[in-house]
All heavy atoms as atom14 arrays in JSON, in Angstrom:
{
  "sequence": "LKGSAADGPAIARISAAEIEGAVIAQVRGLLRQPEVVLGAWRA",
  "atom14_mask": [
    [1, 1, 1, 1, 1, 1, 1, 1, 0, 0, 0, 0, 0, 0],
    [1, 1, 1, 1, 1, 1, 1, 1, 1, 0, 0, 0, 0, 0],
    [1, 1, 1, 1, 0, 0, 0, 0, 0, 0, 0, 0, 0, 0],
    [1, 1, 1, 1, 1, 1, 0, 0, 0, 0, 0, 0, 0, 0],
    [1, 1, 1, 1, 1, 0, 0, 0, 0, 0, 0, 0, 0, 0],
    [1, 1, 1, 1, 1, 0, 0, 0, 0, 0, 0, 0, 0, 0],
    [1, 1, 1, 1, 1, 1, 1, 1, 0, 0, 0, 0, 0, 0],
    [1, 1, 1, 1, 0, 0, 0, 0, 0, 0, 0, 0, 0, 0],
    [1, 1, 1, 1, 1, 1, 1, 0, 0, 0, 0, 0, 0, 0],
    [1, 1, 1, 1, 1, 0, 0, 0, 0, 0, 0, 0, 0, 0],
    [1, 1, 1, 1, 1, 1, 1, 1, 0, 0, 0, 0, 0, 0],
    [1, 1, 1, 1, 1, 0, 0, 0, 0, 0, 0, 0, 0, 0],
    [1, 1, 1, 1, 1, 1, 1, 1, 1, 1, 1, 0, 0, 0],
    [1, 1, 1, 1, 1, 1, 1, 1, 0, 0, 0, 0, 0, 0],
    [1, 1, 1, 1, 1, 1, 0, 0, 0, 0, 0, 0, 0, 0],
    [1, 1, 1, 1, 1, 0, 0, 0, 0, 0, 0, 0, 0, 0],
    [1, 1, 1, 1, 1, 0, 0, 0, 0, 0, 0, 0, 0, 0],
    [1, 1, 1, 1, 1, 1, 1, 1, 1, 0, 0, 0, 0, 0],
    [1, 1, 1, 1, 1, 1, 1, 1, 0, 0, 0, 0, 0, 0],
    [1, 1, 1, 1, 1, 1, 1, 1, 1, 0, 0, 0, 0, 0],
    [1, 1, 1, 1, 0, 0, 0, 0, 0, 0, 0, 0, 0, 0],
    [1, 1, 1, 1, 1, 0, 0, 0, 0, 0, 0, 0, 0, 0],
    [1, 1, 1, 1, 1, 1, 1, 0, 0, 0, 0, 0, 0, 0],
    [1, 1, 1, 1, 1, 1, 1, 1, 0, 0, 0, 0, 0, 0],
    [1, 1, 1, 1, 1, 0, 0, 0, 0, 0, 0, 0, 0, 0],
    [1, 1, 1, 1, 1, 1, 1, 1, 1, 0, 0, 0, 0, 0],
    [1, 1, 1, 1, 1, 1, 1, 0, 0, 0, 0, 0, 0, 0],
    [1, 1, 1, 1, 1, 1, 1, 1, 1, 1, 1, 0, 0, 0],
    [1, 1, 1, 1, 0, 0, 0, 0, 0, 0, 0, 0, 0, 0],
    [1, 1, 1, 1, 1, 1, 1, 1, 0, 0, 0, 0, 0, 0],
    [1, 1, 1, 1, 1, 1, 1, 1, 0, 0, 0, 0, 0, 0],
    [1, 1, 1, 1, 1, 1, 1, 1, 1, 1, 1, 0, 0, 0],
    [1, 1, 1, 1, 1, 1, 1, 1, 1, 0, 0, 0, 0, 0],
    [1, 1, 1, 1, 1, 1, 1, 0, 0, 0, 0, 0, 0, 0],
    [1, 1, 1, 1, 1, 1, 1, 1, 1, 0, 0, 0, 0, 0],
    [1, 1, 1, 1, 1, 1, 1, 0, 0, 0, 0, 0, 0, 0],
    [1, 1, 1, 1, 1, 1, 1, 0, 0, 0, 0, 0, 0, 0],
    [1, 1, 1, 1, 1, 1, 1, 1, 0, 0, 0, 0, 0, 0],
    [1, 1, 1, 1, 0, 0, 0, 0, 0, 0, 0, 0, 0, 0],
    [1, 1, 1, 1, 1, 0, 0, 0, 0, 0, 0, 0, 0, 0],
    [1, 1, 1, 1, 1, 1, 1, 1, 1, 1, 1, 1, 1, 1],
    [1, 1, 1, 1, 1, 1, 1, 1, 1, 1, 1, 0, 0, 0],
    [1, 1, 1, 1, 1, 0, 0, 0, 0, 0, 0, 0, 0, 0]
  ],
  "atom14_positions": [
    [[-69.25, 159.11, 206.23], [-68.74, 160.16, 205.42], [-68.38, 159.62, 204.08], [-67.61, 158.66, 203.96], [-67.51, 160.75, 206.15], [-66.86, 161.96, 205.46], [-67.85, 163.11, 205.41], [-65.65, 162.4, 206.24], [0.0, 0.0, 0.0], [0.0, 0.0, 0.0], [0.0, 0.0, 0.0], [0.0, 0.0, 0.0], [0.0, 0.0, 0.0], [0.0, 0.0, 0.0]],
    [[-68.9, 160.19, 203.07], [-68.61, 159.75, 201.71], [-67.77, 160.8, 200.94], [-67.83, 161.95, 201.23], [-69.9, 159.51, 200.88], [-70.73, 158.34, 201.45], [-71.92, 158.1, 200.62], [-72.71, 156.96, 201.21], [-73.83, 156.57, 200.45], [0.0, 0.0, 0.0], [0.0, 0.0, 0.0], [0.0, 0.0, 0.0], [0.0, 0.0, 0.0], [0.0, 0.0, 0.0]],
    [[-66.97, 160.32, 200.04], [-66.11, 161.21, 199.3], [-64.8, 161.34, 199.94], [-64.5, 160.65, 200.92], [0.0, 0.0, 0.0], [0.0, 0.0, 0.0], [0.0, 0.0, 0.0], [0.0, 0.0, 0.0], [0.0, 0.0, 0.0], [0.0, 0.0, 0.0], [0.0, 0.0, 0.0], [0.0, 0.0, 0.0], [0.0, 0.0, 0.0], [0.0, 0.0, 0.0]],
    [[-63.93, 162.14, 199.39], [-62.58, 162.4, 199.96], [-62.47, 163.76, 200.5], [-63.29, 164.62, 200.28], [-61.51, 162.13, 198.84], [-61.63, 163.19, 197.89], [0.0, 0.0, 0.0], [0.0, 0.0, 0.0], [0.0, 0.0, 0.0], [0.0, 0.0, 0.0], [0.0, 0.0, 0.0], [0.0, 0.0, 0.0], [0.0, 0.0, 0.0], [0.0, 0.0, 0.0]],
    [[-61.36, 163.95, 201.2], [-61.15, 165.27, 201.8], [-61.0, 166.33, 200.7], [-61.29, 167.51, 200.88], [-59.87, 165.24, 202.67], [0.0, 0.0, 0.0], [0.0, 0.0, 0.0], [0.0, 0.0, 0.0], [0.0, 0.0, 0.0], [0.0, 0.0, 0.0], [0.0, 0.0, 0.0], [0.0, 0.0, 0.0], [0.0, 0.0, 0.0], [0.0, 0.0, 0.0]],
    [[-60.56, 165.89, 199.49], [-60.41, 166.84, 198.4], [-61.72, 167.3, 197.85], [-61.86, 168.35, 197.26], [-59.62, 166.16, 197.28], [0.0, 0.0, 0.0], [0.0, 0.0, 0.0], [0.0, 0.0, 0.0], [0.0, 0.0, 0.0], [0.0, 0.0, 0.0], [0.0, 0.0, 0.0], [0.0, 0.0, 0.0], [0.0, 0.0, 0.0], [0.0, 0.0, 0.0]],
    [[-62.8, 166.56, 198.14], [-64.15, 166.95, 197.66], [-64.67, 168.14, 198.44], [-65.7, 168.72, 198.05], [-65.1, 165.8, 197.8], [-64.79, 164.62, 196.84], [-64.13, 164.86, 195.86], [-65.21, 163.53, 197.16], [0.0, 0.0, 0.0], [0.0, 0.0, 0.0], [0.0, 0.0, 0.0], [0.0, 0.0, 0.0], [0.0, 0.0, 0.0], [0.0, 0.0, 0.0]],
    [[-63.99, 168.48, 199.56], [-64.43, 169.64, 200.34], [-65.69, 169.41, 201.08], [-66.68, 170.16, 200.8], [0.0, 0.0, 0.0], [0.0, 0.0, 0.0], [0.0, 0.0, 0.0], [0.0, 0.0, 0.0], [0.0, 0.0, 0.0], [0.0, 0.0, 0.0], [0.0, 0.0, 0.0], [0.0, 0.0, 0.0], [0.0, 0.0, 0.0], [0.0, 0.0, 0.0]],
    [[-65.77, 168.41, 201.94], [-67.03, 168.21, 202.7], [-67.32, 169.43, 203.55], [-66.44, 170.22, 203.88], [-66.72, 167.0, 203.61], [-65.22, 166.98, 203.74], [-64.7, 167.57, 202.46], [0.0, 0.0, 0.0], [0.0, 0.0, 0.0], [0.0, 0.0, 0.0], [0.0, 0.0, 0.0], [0.0, 0.0, 0.0], [0.0, 0.0, 0.0], [0.0, 0.0, 0.0]],
    [[-68.6, 169.58, 203.88], [-69.09, 170.73, 204.66], [-68.44, 170.8, 206.03], [-68.27, 171.82, 206.6], [-70.59, 170.69, 204.78], [0.0, 0.0, 0.0], [0.0, 0.0, 0.0], [0.0, 0.0, 0.0], [0.0, 0.0, 0.0], [0.0, 0.0, 0.0], [0.0, 0.0, 0.0], [0.0, 0.0, 0.0], [0.0, 0.0, 0.0], [0.0, 0.0, 0.0]],
    [[-68.11, 169.61, 206.54], [-67.42, 169.58, 207.87], [-66.07, 168.81, 207.7], [-65.97, 167.87, 206.89], [-68.26, 168.89, 208.97], [-68.73, 167.47, 208.53], [-69.48, 169.73, 209.33], [-69.48, 166.71, 209.55], [0.0, 0.0, 0.0], [0.0, 0.0, 0.0], [0.0, 0.0, 0.0], [0.0, 0.0, 0.0], [0.0, 0.0, 0.0], [0.0, 0.0, 0.0]],
    [[-65.16, 169.23, 208.53], [-63.84, 168.54, 208.45], [-63.96, 167.18, 209.07], [-64.84, 166.86, 209.83], [-62.82, 169.37, 209.25], [0.0, 0.0, 0.0], [0.0, 0.0, 0.0], [0.0, 0.0, 0.0], [0.0, 0.0, 0.0], [0.0, 0.0, 0.0], [0.0, 0.0, 0.0], [0.0, 0.0, 0.0], [0.0, 0.0, 0.0], [0.0, 0.0, 0.0]],
    [[-62.98, 166.33, 208.77], [-62.96, 165.01, 209.37], [-62.59, 165.12, 210.84], [-61.68, 165.84, 211.2], [-61.95, 164.12, 208.61], [-62.37, 163.84, 207.2], [-61.38, 162.93, 206.45], [-61.74, 162.83, 205.09], [-62.47, 161.81, 204.64], [-62.9, 160.87, 205.45], [-62.79, 161.72, 203.37], [0.0, 0.0, 0.0], [0.0, 0.0, 0.0], [0.0, 0.0, 0.0]],
    [[-63.36, 164.39, 211.62], [-63.18, 164.4, 213.08], [-62.95, 162.96, 213.53], [-63.7, 162.03, 213.07], [-64.41, 165.01, 213.8], [-64.68, 166.39, 213.21], [-64.22, 165.04, 215.25], [-65.99, 166.95, 213.71], [0.0, 0.0, 0.0], [0.0, 0.0, 0.0], [0.0, 0.0, 0.0], [0.0, 0.0, 0.0], [0.0, 0.0, 0.0], [0.0, 0.0, 0.0]],
    [[-62.03, 162.74, 214.44], [-61.76, 161.4, 214.92], [-62.95, 160.9, 215.78], [-63.62, 161.76, 216.44], [-60.48, 161.31, 215.72], [-60.67, 161.92, 216.96], [0.0, 0.0, 0.0], [0.0, 0.0, 0.0], [0.0, 0.0, 0.0], [0.0, 0.0, 0.0], [0.0, 0.0, 0.0], [0.0, 0.0, 0.0], [0.0, 0.0, 0.0], [0.0, 0.0, 0.0]],
    [[-63.12, 159.63, 215.81], [-64.19, 159.02, 216.66], [-63.96, 159.38, 218.1], [-64.96, 159.64, 218.84], [-64.25, 157.49, 216.42], [0.0, 0.0, 0.0], [0.0, 0.0, 0.0], [0.0, 0.0, 0.0], [0.0, 0.0, 0.0], [0.0, 0.0, 0.0], [0.0, 0.0, 0.0], [0.0, 0.0, 0.0], [0.0, 0.0, 0.0], [0.0, 0.0, 0.0]],
    [[-62.71, 159.37, 218.56], [-62.41, 159.69, 219.97], [-62.9, 161.12, 220.31], [-63.41, 161.37, 221.41], [-60.95, 159.56, 220.25], [0.0, 0.0, 0.0], [0.0, 0.0, 0.0], [0.0, 0.0, 0.0], [0.0, 0.0, 0.0], [0.0, 0.0, 0.0], [0.0, 0.0, 0.0], [0.0, 0.0, 0.0], [0.0, 0.0, 0.0], [0.0, 0.0, 0.0]],
    [[-62.68, 162.07, 219.4], [-63.13, 163.46, 219.62], [-64.67, 163.5, 219.67], [-65.21, 164.21, 220.57], [-62.62, 164.4, 218.54], [-61.16, 164.67, 218.6], [-60.7, 165.61, 217.5], [-60.64, 165.09, 216.35], [-60.44, 166.8, 217.76], [0.0, 0.0, 0.0], [0.0, 0.0, 0.0], [0.0, 0.0, 0.0], [0.0, 0.0, 0.0], [0.0, 0.0, 0.0]],
    [[-65.32, 162.79, 218.81], [-66.81, 162.76, 218.81], [-67.33, 162.19, 220.1], [-68.2, 162.68, 220.73], [-67.32, 162.08, 217.54], [-66.94, 162.88, 216.27], [-68.84, 161.85, 217.66], [-67.21, 162.14, 215.01], [0.0, 0.0, 0.0], [0.0, 0.0, 0.0], [0.0, 0.0, 0.0], [0.0, 0.0, 0.0], [0.0, 0.0, 0.0], [0.0, 0.0, 0.0]],
    [[-66.71, 161.02, 220.44], [-67.19, 160.32, 221.69], [-66.97, 161.25, 222.89], [-67.84, 161.31, 223.77], [-66.41, 159.05, 221.88], [-66.82, 157.97, 220.86], [-65.89, 156.77, 220.92], [-64.96, 156.72, 221.75], [-66.11, 155.86, 220.12], [0.0, 0.0, 0.0], [0.0, 0.0, 0.0], [0.0, 0.0, 0.0], [0.0, 0.0, 0.0], [0.0, 0.0, 0.0]],
    [[-65.83, 161.92, 222.98], [-65.59, 162.83, 224.14], [-66.58, 163.98, 224.13], [-67.12, 164.32, 225.25], [0.0, 0.0, 0.0], [0.0, 0.0, 0.0], [0.0, 0.0, 0.0], [0.0, 0.0, 0.0], [0.0, 0.0, 0.0], [0.0, 0.0, 0.0], [0.0, 0.0, 0.0], [0.0, 0.0, 0.0], [0.0, 0.0, 0.0], [0.0, 0.0, 0.0]],
    [[-66.94, 164.51, 222.98], [-67.9, 165.61, 222.9], [-69.28, 165.11, 223.28], [-70.04, 165.82, 223.97], [-67.93, 166.23, 221.52], [0.0, 0.0, 0.0], [0.0, 0.0, 0.0], [0.0, 0.0, 0.0], [0.0, 0.0, 0.0], [0.0, 0.0, 0.0], [0.0, 0.0, 0.0], [0.0, 0.0, 0.0], [0.0, 0.0, 0.0], [0.0, 0.0, 0.0]],
    [[-69.68, 163.96, 222.88], [-70.98, 163.37, 223.17], [-71.12, 163.1, 224.66], [-72.09, 163.47, 225.35], [-71.25, 162.04, 222.37], [-72.44, 161.32, 222.9], [-71.43, 162.39, 220.91], [0.0, 0.0, 0.0], [0.0, 0.0, 0.0], [0.0, 0.0, 0.0], [0.0, 0.0, 0.0], [0.0, 0.0, 0.0], [0.0, 0.0, 0.0], [0.0, 0.0, 0.0]],
    [[-70.02, 162.55, 225.29], [-70.04, 162.24, 226.7], [-70.19, 163.56, 227.48], [-71.0, 163.65, 228.42], [-68.82, 161.44, 227.08], [-68.89, 160.05, 226.55], [-68.64, 161.47, 228.64], [-67.59, 159.27, 226.68], [0.0, 0.0, 0.0], [0.0, 0.0, 0.0], [0.0, 0.0, 0.0], [0.0, 0.0, 0.0], [0.0, 0.0, 0.0], [0.0, 0.0, 0.0]],
    [[-69.38, 164.62, 227.09], [-69.5, 165.89, 227.77], [-70.88, 166.47, 227.65], [-71.42, 167.04, 228.62], [-68.45, 166.84, 227.21], [0.0, 0.0, 0.0], [0.0, 0.0, 0.0], [0.0, 0.0, 0.0], [0.0, 0.0, 0.0], [0.0, 0.0, 0.0], [0.0, 0.0, 0.0], [0.0, 0.0, 0.0], [0.0, 0.0, 0.0], [0.0, 0.0, 0.0]],
    [[-71.49, 166.41, 226.46], [-72.79, 166.96, 226.27], [-73.89, 166.22, 227.07], [-74.73, 166.77, 227.65], [-73.18, 166.99, 224.75], [-74.41, 167.81, 224.51], [-74.67, 168.1, 223.04], [-73.91, 167.56, 222.19], [-75.66, 168.88, 222.73], [0.0, 0.0, 0.0], [0.0, 0.0, 0.0], [0.0, 0.0, 0.0], [0.0, 0.0, 0.0], [0.0, 0.0, 0.0]],
    [[-73.78, 164.87, 227.1], [-74.74, 164.07, 227.88], [-74.64, 164.42, 229.38], [-75.65, 164.65, 230.06], [-74.48, 162.55, 227.65], [-75.24, 161.73, 228.66], [-74.94, 162.16, 226.23], [0.0, 0.0, 0.0], [0.0, 0.0, 0.0], [0.0, 0.0, 0.0], [0.0, 0.0, 0.0], [0.0, 0.0, 0.0], [0.0, 0.0, 0.0], [0.0, 0.0, 0.0]],
    [[-73.4, 164.47, 229.85], [-73.23, 164.83, 231.3], [-73.79, 166.22, 231.6], [-74.38, 166.41, 232.67], [-71.74, 164.79, 231.66], [-71.27, 163.32, 231.69], [-69.74, 163.21, 231.97], [-69.47, 163.47, 233.36], [-68.24, 163.5, 233.85], [-67.21, 163.24, 233.07], [-68.05, 163.71, 235.13], [0.0, 0.0, 0.0], [0.0, 0.0, 0.0], [0.0, 0.0, 0.0]],
    [[-73.65, 167.17, 230.71], [-74.25, 168.47, 230.86], [-75.77, 168.43, 230.8], [-76.46, 169.07, 231.55], [0.0, 0.0, 0.0], [0.0, 0.0, 0.0], [0.0, 0.0, 0.0], [0.0, 0.0, 0.0], [0.0, 0.0, 0.0], [0.0, 0.0, 0.0], [0.0, 0.0, 0.0], [0.0, 0.0, 0.0], [0.0, 0.0, 0.0], [0.0, 0.0, 0.0]],
    [[-76.3, 167.62, 229.85], [-77.76, 167.53, 229.71], [-78.42, 166.92, 230.98], [-79.54, 167.3, 231.31], [-78.12, 166.66, 228.5], [-77.95, 167.28, 227.12], [-78.07, 166.26, 226.06], [-78.91, 168.44, 226.95], [0.0, 0.0, 0.0], [0.0, 0.0, 0.0], [0.0, 0.0, 0.0], [0.0, 0.0, 0.0], [0.0, 0.0, 0.0], [0.0, 0.0, 0.0]],
    [[-77.68, 166.04, 231.62], [-78.26, 165.39, 232.88], [-78.41, 166.42, 234.02], [-79.07, 166.1, 235.02], [-77.37, 164.23, 233.29], [-77.39, 163.03, 232.36], [-76.46, 161.96, 232.84], [-78.78, 162.47, 232.18], [0.0, 0.0, 0.0], [0.0, 0.0, 0.0], [0.0, 0.0, 0.0], [0.0, 0.0, 0.0], [0.0, 0.0, 0.0], [0.0, 0.0, 0.0]],
    [[-77.83, 167.6, 233.82], [-78.01, 168.65, 234.84], [-79.08, 169.7, 234.46], [-79.36, 170.54, 235.22], [-76.65, 169.36, 235.06], [-75.65, 168.48, 235.76], [-74.36, 169.25, 236.11], [-73.57, 169.62, 234.97], [-72.59, 168.85, 234.43], [-72.33, 167.7, 234.97], [-71.89, 169.27, 233.38], [0.0, 0.0, 0.0], [0.0, 0.0, 0.0], [0.0, 0.0, 0.0]],
    [[-79.65, 169.49, 233.25], [-80.71, 170.45, 232.79], [-82.02, 170.16, 233.46], [-82.47, 168.99, 233.44], [-80.82, 170.38, 231.29], [-79.57, 170.75, 230.53], [-79.21, 172.19, 230.78], [-80.06, 173.13, 230.79], [-77.91, 172.44, 230.97], [0.0, 0.0, 0.0], [0.0, 0.0, 0.0], [0.0, 0.0, 0.0], [0.0, 0.0, 0.0], [0.0, 0.0, 0.0]],
    [[-82.69, 171.18, 234.05], [-83.97, 170.89, 234.75], [-85.02, 170.2, 233.87], [-85.69, 169.29, 234.37], [-84.42, 172.27, 235.13], [-83.21, 173.11, 235.16], [-82.27, 172.51, 234.17], [0.0, 0.0, 0.0], [0.0, 0.0, 0.0], [0.0, 0.0, 0.0], [0.0, 0.0, 0.0], [0.0, 0.0, 0.0], [0.0, 0.0, 0.0], [0.0, 0.0, 0.0]],
    [[-85.11, 170.57, 232.62], [-86.17, 169.96, 231.76], [-85.87, 168.44, 231.47], [-86.75, 167.66, 231.36], [-86.37, 170.74, 230.46], [-85.16, 170.83, 229.59], [-84.2, 172.02, 229.89], [-84.38, 172.64, 230.91], [-83.28, 172.19, 229.07], [0.0, 0.0, 0.0], [0.0, 0.0, 0.0], [0.0, 0.0, 0.0], [0.0, 0.0, 0.0], [0.0, 0.0, 0.0]],
    [[-84.57, 168.08, 231.39], [-84.17, 166.74, 231.18], [-84.46, 165.91, 232.47], [-84.98, 164.81, 232.42], [-82.67, 166.65, 230.76], [-82.22, 165.17, 230.71], [-82.48, 167.3, 229.39], [0.0, 0.0, 0.0], [0.0, 0.0, 0.0], [0.0, 0.0, 0.0], [0.0, 0.0, 0.0], [0.0, 0.0, 0.0], [0.0, 0.0, 0.0], [0.0, 0.0, 0.0]],
    [[-84.14, 166.49, 233.58], [-84.37, 165.81, 234.89], [-85.88, 165.61, 235.1], [-86.3, 164.54, 235.47], [-83.72, 166.62, 236.03], [-84.18, 166.02, 237.38], [-82.26, 166.69, 235.91], [0.0, 0.0, 0.0], [0.0, 0.0, 0.0], [0.0, 0.0, 0.0], [0.0, 0.0, 0.0], [0.0, 0.0, 0.0], [0.0, 0.0, 0.0], [0.0, 0.0, 0.0]],
    [[-86.66, 166.61, 234.8], [-88.12, 166.52, 234.91], [-88.65, 165.4, 233.98], [-89.49, 164.63, 234.37], [-88.78, 167.84, 234.64], [-90.34, 167.91, 234.75], [-90.77, 167.54, 236.18], [-90.85, 169.24, 234.35], [0.0, 0.0, 0.0], [0.0, 0.0, 0.0], [0.0, 0.0, 0.0], [0.0, 0.0, 0.0], [0.0, 0.0, 0.0], [0.0, 0.0, 0.0]],
    [[-88.16, 165.39, 232.71], [-88.6, 164.31, 231.84], [-88.21, 162.89, 232.28], [-89.01, 161.99, 232.17], [0.0, 0.0, 0.0], [0.0, 0.0, 0.0], [0.0, 0.0, 0.0], [0.0, 0.0, 0.0], [0.0, 0.0, 0.0], [0.0, 0.0, 0.0], [0.0, 0.0, 0.0], [0.0, 0.0, 0.0], [0.0, 0.0, 0.0], [0.0, 0.0, 0.0]],
    [[-87.03, 162.83, 232.86], [-86.58, 161.52, 233.43], [-87.48, 161.09, 234.59], [-87.87, 159.97, 234.68], [-85.13, 161.6, 233.93], [0.0, 0.0, 0.0], [0.0, 0.0, 0.0], [0.0, 0.0, 0.0], [0.0, 0.0, 0.0], [0.0, 0.0, 0.0], [0.0, 0.0, 0.0], [0.0, 0.0, 0.0], [0.0, 0.0, 0.0], [0.0, 0.0, 0.0]],
    [[-87.85, 162.03, 235.4], [-88.69, 161.73, 236.57], [-90.09, 161.28, 236.06], [-90.65, 160.29, 236.54], [-88.82, 162.91, 237.52], [-89.84, 162.73, 238.59], [-89.79, 161.84, 239.63], [-91.1, 163.43, 238.68], [-90.95, 161.92, 240.35], [-91.75, 162.89, 239.81], [-91.73, 164.42, 237.9], [-93.01, 163.32, 240.27], [-92.92, 164.84, 238.34], [-93.59, 164.28, 239.45]],
    [[-90.63, 162.01, 235.18], [-91.94, 161.67, 234.66], [-91.98, 160.29, 234.04], [-92.87, 159.51, 234.2], [-92.42, 162.7, 233.6], [-92.81, 164.01, 234.28], [-93.31, 165.02, 233.28], [-93.77, 166.2, 233.92], [-93.87, 167.38, 233.32], [-93.52, 167.51, 232.04], [-94.27, 168.42, 233.98], [0.0, 0.0, 0.0], [0.0, 0.0, 0.0], [0.0, 0.0, 0.0]],
    [[-90.89, 159.94, 233.27], [-90.79, 158.63, 232.69], [-90.59, 157.55, 233.7], [-91.15, 156.47, 233.57], [-89.69, 158.64, 231.57], [0.0, 0.0, 0.0], [0.0, 0.0, 0.0], [0.0, 0.0, 0.0], [0.0, 0.0, 0.0], [0.0, 0.0, 0.0], [0.0, 0.0, 0.0], [0.0, 0.0, 0.0], [0.0, 0.0, 0.0], [0.0, 0.0, 0.0]]
  ]
}
């Protein structure tokens, strides 16, 4: 992220812990998606 909060970035500053938690939740959800499971099996 470049610039300061005063520059008004398009997205607010988010802590790394929040991002990591969201990524983990999304990955766990993706592992239940049929198309992801099928792709894993094929690979």
